[in-house]
Amino acid sequence: MQQRTRPGGRGAPTRASGPRGAQRAGAAGAGRAPVRPTVARRAVSTGGAALRTRAPQPRRFTNRAVVLGLVLLVLLLAYAYPVRVYLAQQAEITALEQSQERQIAKIAEMAERAAKWDDNEYVKSQARQRLHMVMPGEKPFVVVDPARSQQIDPTAIPGAEKAPRPWYSKLWSSVEAAD
């Protein structure tokens, strides 16, 4: 006769095999307790449809996931301020470098303008244009264009007497100057 095998590949144990079987074989079989406790069966409700119960929902986050999230949040908060300071410093460095480039360009332009004044012809041309100077023996002419004439405010002329201002405008200008 062939012995039955279980899905695991082992044969079914006989009642008398193993240490439990030896204990059971020696005991009297009349008042002994069952080897396995019996499972209580559900009572069938007589009210019609059976009540369905839901399986308990698994927790969304494990304790490890919560701790990891808190650690990442603390690290994010700890690095936020230094990163902000770093970015502000980089922006300041960039602005200073641009300012320095503008100053270098301005210095080069001013050096070029100063070099022009070493030329005698340039000095003569500037004296003619700006100061209306002429060389000895030349006759100066000034052309007055009526279309270009402008009404000049007599108070705008340097040295002219200006109208007195009220006391509150003087006070306000001193407040603005103090700021």
N, C-alpha and C. Protein backbone atom coordinates (compact mmCIF):
# COMPACT_ATOMS: atom_id res chain seq x y z
N MET A 1 0.82 -1.16 0.00
CA MET A 1 0.00 0.00 0.00
C MET A 1 0.89 1.25 0.00
N GLN A 2 0.46 2.23 -0.76
CA GLN A 2 1.25 3.45 -0.90
C GLN A 2 0.78 4.48 0.11
N GLN A 3 1.73 5.17 0.68
CA GLN A 3 1.40 6.14 1.72
C GLN A 3 1.09 7.50 1.08
N ARG A 4 0.12 8.21 1.62
CA ARG A 4 -0.23 9.52 1.11
C ARG A 4 0.85 10.54 1.45
N THR A 5 1.01 11.48 0.54
CA THR A 5 2.00 12.53 0.82
C THR A 5 1.29 13.88 0.88
N ARG A 6 1.86 14.76 1.67
CA ARG A 6 1.33 16.13 1.78
C ARG A 6 1.95 16.98 0.68
N PRO A 7 1.41 18.15 0.49
CA PRO A 7 1.96 19.01 -0.55
C PRO A 7 3.43 19.35 -0.32
N GLY A 8 3.90 19.36 0.90
CA GLY A 8 5.29 19.66 1.18
C GLY A 8 6.21 18.51 0.79
N GLY A 9 5.67 17.37 0.44
CA GLY A 9 6.47 16.25 0.02
C GLY A 9 6.68 15.22 1.11
N ARG A 10 6.24 15.51 2.33
CA ARG A 10 6.43 14.55 3.41
C ARG A 10 5.20 13.65 3.49
N GLY A 11 5.40 12.53 3.98
CA GLY A 11 4.29 11.61 4.13
C GLY A 11 3.45 11.98 5.34
N ALA A 12 2.22 11.57 5.38
CA ALA A 12 1.33 11.87 6.50
C ALA A 12 1.79 11.08 7.70
N PRO A 13 1.94 11.72 8.84
CA PRO A 13 2.40 10.98 10.02
C PRO A 13 1.29 10.05 10.52
N THR A 14 1.71 8.95 11.05
CA THR A 14 0.74 8.02 11.61
C THR A 14 0.48 8.44 13.03
N ARG A 15 -0.56 7.92 13.63
CA ARG A 15 -0.94 8.35 14.97
C ARG A 15 0.10 7.96 16.00
N ALA A 16 0.75 6.89 15.85
CA ALA A 16 1.67 6.41 16.87
C ALA A 16 3.09 6.87 16.62
N SER A 17 3.33 7.63 15.56
CA SER A 17 4.70 8.03 15.29
C SER A 17 5.02 9.34 16.01
N GLY A 18 6.23 9.55 16.36
CA GLY A 18 6.68 10.79 17.00
C GLY A 18 6.40 10.79 18.48
N PRO A 19 6.87 11.78 19.18
CA PRO A 19 6.73 11.83 20.63
C PRO A 19 5.29 12.01 21.07
N ARG A 20 4.47 12.77 20.28
CA ARG A 20 3.09 12.94 20.70
C ARG A 20 2.31 11.63 20.56
N GLY A 21 2.61 10.94 19.51
CA GLY A 21 1.90 9.68 19.29
C GLY A 21 2.22 8.68 20.38
N ALA A 22 3.43 8.72 20.90
CA ALA A 22 3.80 7.81 21.96
C ALA A 22 3.06 8.16 23.23
N GLN A 23 2.86 9.47 23.48
CA GLN A 23 2.14 9.86 24.69
C GLN A 23 0.68 9.46 24.56
N ARG A 24 0.14 9.63 23.37
CA ARG A 24 -1.27 9.34 23.18
C ARG A 24 -1.54 7.83 23.24
N ALA A 25 -0.59 7.10 22.75
CA ALA A 25 -0.81 5.65 22.71
C ALA A 25 -0.82 5.08 24.11
N GLY A 26 -0.05 5.66 25.02
CA GLY A 26 0.01 5.13 26.37
C GLY A 26 -1.17 5.57 27.20
N ALA A 27 -1.85 6.62 26.84
CA ALA A 27 -2.94 7.11 27.67
C ALA A 27 -4.21 6.38 27.30
N ALA A 28 -5.13 6.39 28.25
CA ALA A 28 -6.41 5.75 27.99
C ALA A 28 -7.22 6.64 27.07
N GLY A 29 -7.85 6.10 26.10
CA GLY A 29 -8.55 6.87 25.09
C GLY A 29 -9.94 7.28 25.48
N ALA A 30 -10.46 6.88 26.63
CA ALA A 30 -11.85 7.14 26.94
C ALA A 30 -12.11 8.60 27.32
N GLY A 31 -11.30 9.21 28.20
CA GLY A 31 -11.62 10.56 28.66
C GLY A 31 -10.60 11.60 28.25
N ARG A 32 -9.95 11.35 27.19
CA ARG A 32 -8.90 12.29 26.81
C ARG A 32 -9.47 13.49 26.04
N ALA A 33 -8.71 14.61 26.12
CA ALA A 33 -9.12 15.85 25.46
C ALA A 33 -8.68 15.79 24.00
N PRO A 34 -9.38 16.50 23.16
CA PRO A 34 -8.98 16.49 21.75
C PRO A 34 -7.61 17.15 21.59
N VAL A 35 -6.90 16.72 20.57
CA VAL A 35 -5.56 17.22 20.33
C VAL A 35 -5.61 18.69 19.92
N ARG A 36 -6.50 19.03 19.06
CA ARG A 36 -6.65 20.43 18.63
C ARG A 36 -7.89 21.01 19.26
N PRO A 37 -7.81 22.27 19.65
CA PRO A 37 -9.05 22.87 20.18
C PRO A 37 -10.02 23.08 19.03
N THR A 38 -11.25 22.89 19.33
CA THR A 38 -12.25 23.03 18.27
C THR A 38 -12.52 24.51 18.04
N VAL A 39 -12.75 24.85 16.83
CA VAL A 39 -13.03 26.23 16.46
C VAL A 39 -14.51 26.45 16.59
N ALA A 40 -14.84 27.56 17.27
CA ALA A 40 -16.27 27.86 17.43
C ALA A 40 -16.83 28.27 16.09
N ARG A 41 -17.94 27.71 15.77
CA ARG A 41 -18.57 28.03 14.49
C ARG A 41 -19.49 29.21 14.66
N ARG A 42 -19.59 29.97 13.59
CA ARG A 42 -20.46 31.14 13.61
C ARG A 42 -21.91 30.68 13.58
N ALA A 43 -22.65 31.42 14.33
CA ALA A 43 -24.08 31.10 14.33
C ALA A 43 -24.70 31.70 13.08
N VAL A 44 -25.54 30.95 12.46
CA VAL A 44 -26.20 31.41 11.26
C VAL A 44 -27.38 32.26 11.69
N SER A 45 -27.41 33.48 11.15
CA SER A 45 -28.52 34.36 11.54
C SER A 45 -29.77 33.93 10.79
N THR A 46 -30.82 33.97 11.49
CA THR A 46 -32.08 33.56 10.87
C THR A 46 -32.84 34.75 10.32
N GLY A 47 -32.25 35.96 10.45
CA GLY A 47 -32.94 37.16 10.02
C GLY A 47 -32.81 37.45 8.54
N GLY A 48 -32.23 36.66 7.77
CA GLY A 48 -32.15 36.89 6.34
C GLY A 48 -30.71 37.09 5.89
N ALA A 49 -30.37 38.30 5.47
CA ALA A 49 -29.05 38.57 4.91
C ALA A 49 -27.99 38.55 6.00
N ALA A 50 -26.87 38.06 5.65
CA ALA A 50 -25.77 37.98 6.61
C ALA A 50 -25.13 39.36 6.74
N LEU A 51 -24.66 39.70 7.94
CA LEU A 51 -23.99 40.97 8.18
C LEU A 51 -22.56 40.86 7.72
N ARG A 52 -22.16 41.86 6.96
CA ARG A 52 -20.78 41.86 6.49
C ARG A 52 -19.95 42.76 7.37
N THR A 53 -18.81 42.30 7.73
CA THR A 53 -17.88 43.13 8.50
C THR A 53 -16.68 43.43 7.63
N ARG A 54 -16.13 44.62 7.82
CA ARG A 54 -14.96 45.01 7.03
C ARG A 54 -13.69 44.57 7.72
N ALA A 55 -12.75 44.24 6.91
CA ALA A 55 -11.43 43.90 7.45
C ALA A 55 -10.79 45.20 7.95
N PRO A 56 -10.01 45.13 9.02
CA PRO A 56 -9.36 46.35 9.51
C PRO A 56 -8.40 46.91 8.45
N GLN A 57 -8.45 48.24 8.25
CA GLN A 57 -7.60 48.89 7.26
C GLN A 57 -6.17 48.96 7.79
N PRO A 58 -5.22 48.64 6.93
CA PRO A 58 -3.83 48.76 7.39
C PRO A 58 -3.46 50.23 7.57
N ARG A 59 -2.55 50.50 8.47
CA ARG A 59 -2.10 51.88 8.71
C ARG A 59 -1.39 52.39 7.47
N ARG A 60 -1.58 53.67 7.18
CA ARG A 60 -0.97 54.23 5.98
C ARG A 60 0.53 54.35 6.11
N PHE A 61 0.98 54.82 7.25
CA PHE A 61 2.41 55.03 7.45
C PHE A 61 2.87 54.21 8.65
N THR A 62 3.99 53.57 8.47
CA THR A 62 4.57 52.84 9.59
C THR A 62 5.32 53.82 10.47
N ASN A 63 5.73 53.37 11.63
CA ASN A 63 6.47 54.23 12.54
C ASN A 63 7.79 54.68 11.91
N ARG A 64 8.42 53.79 11.18
CA ARG A 64 9.69 54.14 10.53
C ARG A 64 9.48 55.24 9.49
N ALA A 65 8.40 55.14 8.74
CA ALA A 65 8.13 56.15 7.72
C ALA A 65 7.86 57.51 8.35
N VAL A 66 7.16 57.53 9.47
CA VAL A 66 6.89 58.79 10.16
C VAL A 66 8.19 59.39 10.69
N VAL A 67 9.04 58.58 11.29
CA VAL A 67 10.31 59.08 11.82
C VAL A 67 11.19 59.58 10.67
N LEU A 68 11.24 58.85 9.57
CA LEU A 68 12.03 59.28 8.41
C LEU A 68 11.51 60.61 7.86
N GLY A 69 10.20 60.75 7.79
CA GLY A 69 9.62 62.01 7.33
C GLY A 69 9.97 63.17 8.25
N LEU A 70 9.92 62.94 9.56
CA LEU A 70 10.28 63.99 10.51
C LEU A 70 11.75 64.37 10.39
N VAL A 71 12.61 63.37 10.21
CA VAL A 71 14.04 63.66 10.07
C VAL A 71 14.28 64.48 8.80
N LEU A 72 13.64 64.11 7.69
CA LEU A 72 13.79 64.87 6.45
C LEU A 72 13.26 66.29 6.60
N LEU A 73 12.16 66.46 7.31
CA LEU A 73 11.61 67.80 7.54
C LEU A 73 12.56 68.65 8.38
N VAL A 74 13.15 68.06 9.40
CA VAL A 74 14.11 68.79 10.24
C VAL A 74 15.33 69.17 9.42
N LEU A 75 15.82 68.27 8.59
CA LEU A 75 16.97 68.59 7.74
C LEU A 75 16.63 69.70 6.74
N LEU A 76 15.43 69.65 6.18
CA LEU A 76 15.01 70.70 5.26
C LEU A 76 14.97 72.05 5.94
N LEU A 77 14.42 72.09 7.15
CA LEU A 77 14.36 73.35 7.89
C LEU A 77 15.75 73.80 8.32
N ALA A 78 16.63 72.87 8.62
CA ALA A 78 17.97 73.23 9.06
C ALA A 78 18.80 73.79 7.91
N TYR A 79 18.57 73.32 6.70
CA TYR A 79 19.35 73.79 5.56
C TYR A 79 18.72 74.98 4.85
N ALA A 80 17.49 75.34 5.15
CA ALA A 80 16.80 76.42 4.44
C ALA A 80 17.50 77.76 4.65
N TYR A 81 17.82 78.12 5.87
CA TYR A 81 18.44 79.41 6.14
C TYR A 81 19.84 79.52 5.53
N PRO A 82 20.72 78.53 5.72
CA PRO A 82 22.04 78.66 5.09
C PRO A 82 21.98 78.73 3.57
N VAL A 83 21.06 78.04 2.95
CA VAL A 83 20.94 78.09 1.50
C VAL A 83 20.47 79.48 1.07
N ARG A 84 19.53 80.06 1.83
CA ARG A 84 19.06 81.40 1.52
C ARG A 84 20.19 82.42 1.65
N VAL A 85 21.00 82.29 2.69
CA VAL A 85 22.14 83.19 2.88
C VAL A 85 23.14 83.01 1.74
N TYR A 86 23.39 81.78 1.36
CA TYR A 86 24.32 81.50 0.27
C TYR A 86 23.84 82.15 -1.04
N LEU A 87 22.55 81.99 -1.35
CA LEU A 87 22.02 82.56 -2.58
C LEU A 87 22.06 84.09 -2.54
N ALA A 88 21.81 84.68 -1.37
CA ALA A 88 21.89 86.13 -1.24
C ALA A 88 23.32 86.61 -1.45
N GLN A 89 24.28 85.87 -0.92
CA GLN A 89 25.69 86.23 -1.10
C GLN A 89 26.10 86.11 -2.57
N GLN A 90 25.63 85.09 -3.24
CA GLN A 90 25.95 84.93 -4.66
C GLN A 90 25.37 86.08 -5.48
N ALA A 91 24.14 86.49 -5.14
CA ALA A 91 23.53 87.62 -5.85
C ALA A 91 24.31 88.90 -5.58
N GLU A 92 24.77 89.08 -4.34
CA GLU A 92 25.55 90.27 -4.01
C GLU A 92 26.89 90.26 -4.74
N ILE A 93 27.51 89.11 -4.82
CA ILE A 93 28.80 89.00 -5.54
C ILE A 93 28.60 89.35 -7.01
N THR A 94 27.53 88.84 -7.61
CA THR A 94 27.25 89.14 -9.01
C THR A 94 27.01 90.64 -9.23
N ALA A 95 26.25 91.24 -8.31
CA ALA A 95 25.99 92.68 -8.43
C ALA A 95 27.27 93.49 -8.28
N LEU A 96 28.15 93.08 -7.36
CA LEU A 96 29.41 93.79 -7.18
C LEU A 96 30.33 93.63 -8.39
N GLU A 97 30.33 92.45 -8.99
CA GLU A 97 31.15 92.24 -10.18
C GLU A 97 30.65 93.10 -11.34
N GLN A 98 29.33 93.21 -11.49
CA GLN A 98 28.78 94.06 -12.55
C GLN A 98 29.12 95.53 -12.28
N SER A 99 29.02 95.94 -11.03
CA SER A 99 29.37 97.31 -10.67
C SER A 99 30.84 97.59 -10.96
N GLN A 100 31.68 96.63 -10.67
CA GLN A 100 33.11 96.79 -10.92
C GLN A 100 33.38 96.90 -12.43
N GLU A 101 32.67 96.11 -13.23
CA GLU A 101 32.84 96.20 -14.69
C GLU A 101 32.41 97.57 -15.21
N ARG A 102 31.28 98.09 -14.67
CA ARG A 102 30.84 99.43 -15.08
C ARG A 102 31.87 100.48 -14.68
N GLN A 103 32.45 100.36 -13.51
CA GLN A 103 33.45 101.32 -13.06
C GLN A 103 34.71 101.24 -13.92
N ILE A 104 35.10 100.05 -14.30
CA ILE A 104 36.28 99.89 -15.16
C ILE A 104 36.02 100.54 -16.51
N ALA A 105 34.81 100.34 -17.05
CA ALA A 105 34.47 100.96 -18.34
C ALA A 105 34.45 102.48 -18.22
N LYS A 106 33.92 102.99 -17.10
CA LYS A 106 33.89 104.44 -16.88
C LYS A 106 35.30 105.01 -16.75
N ILE A 107 36.16 104.29 -16.06
CA ILE A 107 37.56 104.74 -15.91
C ILE A 107 38.26 104.77 -17.26
N ALA A 108 38.00 103.74 -18.07
CA ALA A 108 38.61 103.71 -19.41
C ALA A 108 38.11 104.87 -20.26
N GLU A 109 36.81 105.18 -20.17
CA GLU A 109 36.25 106.31 -20.93
C GLU A 109 36.86 107.63 -20.46
N MET A 110 36.99 107.80 -19.15
CA MET A 110 37.57 109.04 -18.62
C MET A 110 39.05 109.18 -18.98
N ALA A 111 39.75 108.07 -19.00
CA ALA A 111 41.16 108.11 -19.39
C ALA A 111 41.29 108.50 -20.87
N GLU A 112 40.36 108.00 -21.69
CA GLU A 112 40.35 108.36 -23.10
C GLU A 112 40.06 109.84 -23.28
N ARG A 113 39.09 110.36 -22.52
CA ARG A 113 38.77 111.79 -22.61
C ARG A 113 39.94 112.65 -22.12
N ALA A 114 40.64 112.19 -21.08
CA ALA A 114 41.79 112.94 -20.56
C ALA A 114 42.94 112.92 -21.57
N ALA A 115 43.07 111.82 -22.30
CA ALA A 115 44.14 111.73 -23.30
C ALA A 115 43.90 112.69 -24.46
N LYS A 116 42.63 113.00 -24.74
CA LYS A 116 42.33 113.94 -25.82
C LYS A 116 42.84 115.34 -25.49
N TRP A 117 42.86 115.70 -24.23
CA TRP A 117 43.29 117.04 -23.83
C TRP A 117 44.79 117.25 -24.02
N ASP A 118 45.54 116.19 -24.27
CA ASP A 118 46.97 116.33 -24.56
C ASP A 118 47.21 116.84 -25.98
N ASP A 119 46.21 116.74 -26.82
CA ASP A 119 46.33 117.19 -28.22
C ASP A 119 45.99 118.68 -28.28
N ASN A 120 46.89 119.50 -28.86
CA ASN A 120 46.68 120.95 -28.94
C ASN A 120 45.49 121.30 -29.83
N GLU A 121 45.25 120.59 -30.88
CA GLU A 121 44.14 120.88 -31.77
C GLU A 121 42.80 120.68 -31.06
N TYR A 122 42.72 119.66 -30.24
CA TYR A 122 41.49 119.39 -29.49
C TYR A 122 41.22 120.52 -28.51
N VAL A 123 42.29 121.01 -27.85
CA VAL A 123 42.14 122.10 -26.89
C VAL A 123 41.64 123.35 -27.60
N LYS A 124 42.17 123.65 -28.79
CA LYS A 124 41.74 124.83 -29.55
C LYS A 124 40.27 124.70 -29.97
N SER A 125 39.89 123.52 -30.43
CA SER A 125 38.50 123.34 -30.88
C SER A 125 37.53 123.46 -29.69
N GLN A 126 37.90 122.95 -28.55
CA GLN A 126 37.04 123.05 -27.36
C GLN A 126 36.95 124.49 -26.89
N ALA A 127 38.04 125.25 -26.98
CA ALA A 127 38.02 126.66 -26.59
C ALA A 127 37.10 127.44 -27.51
N ARG A 128 37.09 127.14 -28.80
CA ARG A 128 36.21 127.83 -29.74
C ARG A 128 34.74 127.49 -29.45
N GLN A 129 34.45 126.21 -29.21
CA GLN A 129 33.05 125.78 -29.02
C GLN A 129 32.51 126.22 -27.67
N ARG A 130 33.22 125.93 -26.62
CA ARG A 130 32.69 126.14 -25.29
C ARG A 130 32.83 127.59 -24.82
N LEU A 131 33.97 128.17 -25.07
CA LEU A 131 34.27 129.49 -24.51
C LEU A 131 34.14 130.62 -25.53
N HIS A 132 33.86 130.30 -26.77
CA HIS A 132 33.73 131.27 -27.86
C HIS A 132 35.00 132.11 -28.01
N MET A 133 36.12 131.48 -27.88
CA MET A 133 37.40 132.17 -28.04
C MET A 133 37.80 132.13 -29.52
N VAL A 134 38.60 133.12 -29.92
CA VAL A 134 39.07 133.17 -31.31
C VAL A 134 40.58 133.38 -31.30
N MET A 135 41.17 133.04 -32.41
CA MET A 135 42.61 133.25 -32.56
C MET A 135 42.86 134.74 -32.87
N PRO A 136 44.06 135.22 -32.58
CA PRO A 136 44.34 136.63 -32.87
C PRO A 136 44.16 136.90 -34.37
N GLY A 137 43.46 137.97 -34.68
CA GLY A 137 43.23 138.37 -36.06
C GLY A 137 41.89 137.88 -36.59
N GLU A 138 41.20 136.98 -35.91
CA GLU A 138 39.90 136.50 -36.35
C GLU A 138 38.81 137.39 -35.77
N LYS A 139 37.67 137.44 -36.47
CA LYS A 139 36.55 138.22 -35.99
C LYS A 139 35.45 137.26 -35.52
N PRO A 140 35.03 137.37 -34.27
CA PRO A 140 33.96 136.48 -33.80
C PRO A 140 32.59 136.98 -34.22
N PHE A 141 31.70 136.03 -34.56
CA PHE A 141 30.31 136.34 -34.87
C PHE A 141 29.43 135.47 -33.99
N VAL A 142 28.40 136.09 -33.47
CA VAL A 142 27.42 135.35 -32.68
C VAL A 142 26.09 135.43 -33.40
N VAL A 143 25.54 134.31 -33.77
CA VAL A 143 24.27 134.25 -34.49
C VAL A 143 23.17 134.07 -33.47
N VAL A 144 22.21 134.96 -33.51
CA VAL A 144 21.06 134.87 -32.60
C VAL A 144 19.88 134.36 -33.40
N ASP A 145 19.37 133.23 -33.03
CA ASP A 145 18.24 132.62 -33.72
C ASP A 145 16.98 132.92 -32.91
N PRO A 146 16.04 133.68 -33.47
CA PRO A 146 14.84 134.01 -32.70
C PRO A 146 13.99 132.77 -32.38
N ALA A 147 14.08 131.73 -33.20
CA ALA A 147 13.29 130.51 -32.94
C ALA A 147 13.84 129.78 -31.71
N ARG A 148 15.09 129.96 -31.45
CA ARG A 148 15.69 129.24 -30.32
C ARG A 148 15.70 130.08 -29.05
N SER A 149 15.21 131.29 -29.15
CA SER A 149 15.24 132.12 -27.95
C SER A 149 14.22 131.60 -26.95
N GLN A 150 14.58 131.66 -25.73
CA GLN A 150 13.73 131.16 -24.65
C GLN A 150 13.54 132.27 -23.64
N GLN A 151 12.39 132.26 -23.03
CA GLN A 151 12.16 133.23 -21.97
C GLN A 151 12.94 132.77 -20.75
N ILE A 152 13.80 133.60 -20.27
CA ILE A 152 14.63 133.27 -19.13
C ILE A 152 13.98 133.82 -17.88
N ASP A 153 13.84 132.96 -16.90
CA ASP A 153 13.27 133.38 -15.62
C ASP A 153 14.33 134.20 -14.88
N PRO A 154 14.01 135.41 -14.49
CA PRO A 154 15.04 136.23 -13.84
C PRO A 154 15.51 135.64 -12.51
N THR A 155 14.72 134.80 -11.88
CA THR A 155 15.16 134.20 -10.61
C THR A 155 16.12 133.06 -10.85
N ALA A 156 16.19 132.56 -12.10
CA ALA A 156 17.09 131.45 -12.39
C ALA A 156 18.51 131.92 -12.66
N ILE A 157 18.69 133.21 -12.86
CA ILE A 157 20.02 133.74 -13.13
C ILE A 157 20.81 133.73 -11.83
N PRO A 158 22.03 133.20 -11.86
CA PRO A 158 22.82 133.17 -10.63
C PRO A 158 23.10 134.58 -10.15
N GLY A 159 22.98 134.79 -8.88
CA GLY A 159 23.24 136.09 -8.28
C GLY A 159 22.02 136.97 -8.23
N ALA A 160 20.94 136.58 -8.92
CA ALA A 160 19.73 137.39 -8.89
C ALA A 160 19.01 137.16 -7.57
N GLU A 161 18.29 138.17 -7.14
CA GLU A 161 17.58 138.07 -5.87
C GLU A 161 16.34 137.19 -6.08
N LYS A 162 16.12 136.28 -5.17
CA LYS A 162 15.00 135.34 -5.29
C LYS A 162 13.88 135.81 -4.39
N ALA A 163 12.66 135.41 -4.77
CA ALA A 163 11.49 135.78 -3.97
C ALA A 163 11.55 135.05 -2.64
N PRO A 164 11.15 135.71 -1.57
CA PRO A 164 11.20 135.05 -0.26
C PRO A 164 10.18 133.91 -0.20
N ARG A 165 10.59 132.84 0.45
CA ARG A 165 9.72 131.68 0.60
C ARG A 165 9.01 131.75 1.95
N PRO A 166 7.82 131.13 2.05
CA PRO A 166 7.14 131.13 3.34
C PRO A 166 7.88 130.26 4.34
N TRP A 167 7.61 130.48 5.62
CA TRP A 167 8.34 129.80 6.69
C TRP A 167 8.14 128.29 6.64
N TYR A 168 6.94 127.82 6.27
CA TYR A 168 6.69 126.37 6.28
C TYR A 168 7.45 125.65 5.17
N SER A 169 7.70 126.29 4.05
CA SER A 169 8.49 125.64 3.00
C SER A 169 9.95 125.56 3.41
N LYS A 170 10.42 126.59 4.14
CA LYS A 170 11.79 126.53 4.67
C LYS A 170 11.92 125.40 5.68
N LEU A 171 10.90 125.26 6.53
CA LEU A 171 10.92 124.19 7.54
C LEU A 171 10.91 122.83 6.85
N TRP A 172 10.04 122.67 5.84
CA TRP A 172 9.95 121.39 5.14
C TRP A 172 11.25 121.04 4.42
N SER A 173 11.89 122.03 3.80
CA SER A 173 13.15 121.76 3.11
C SER A 173 14.25 121.38 4.10
N SER A 174 14.20 121.92 5.32
CA SER A 174 15.21 121.52 6.31
C SER A 174 14.93 120.10 6.80
N VAL A 175 13.66 119.71 6.87
CA VAL A 175 13.33 118.32 7.26
C VAL A 175 13.80 117.37 6.16
N GLU A 176 13.59 117.74 4.91
CA GLU A 176 14.04 116.88 3.81
C GLU A 176 15.57 116.79 3.76
N ALA A 177 16.23 117.89 4.05
CA ALA A 177 17.70 117.89 4.04
C ALA A 177 18.25 117.04 5.19
N ALA A 178 17.54 117.00 6.32
CA ALA A 178 18.00 116.20 7.46
C ALA A 178 17.82 114.72 7.20
N ASP A 179 16.89 114.38 6.34
CA ASP A 179 16.63 112.97 6.08
C ASP A 179 17.74 112.45 5.23
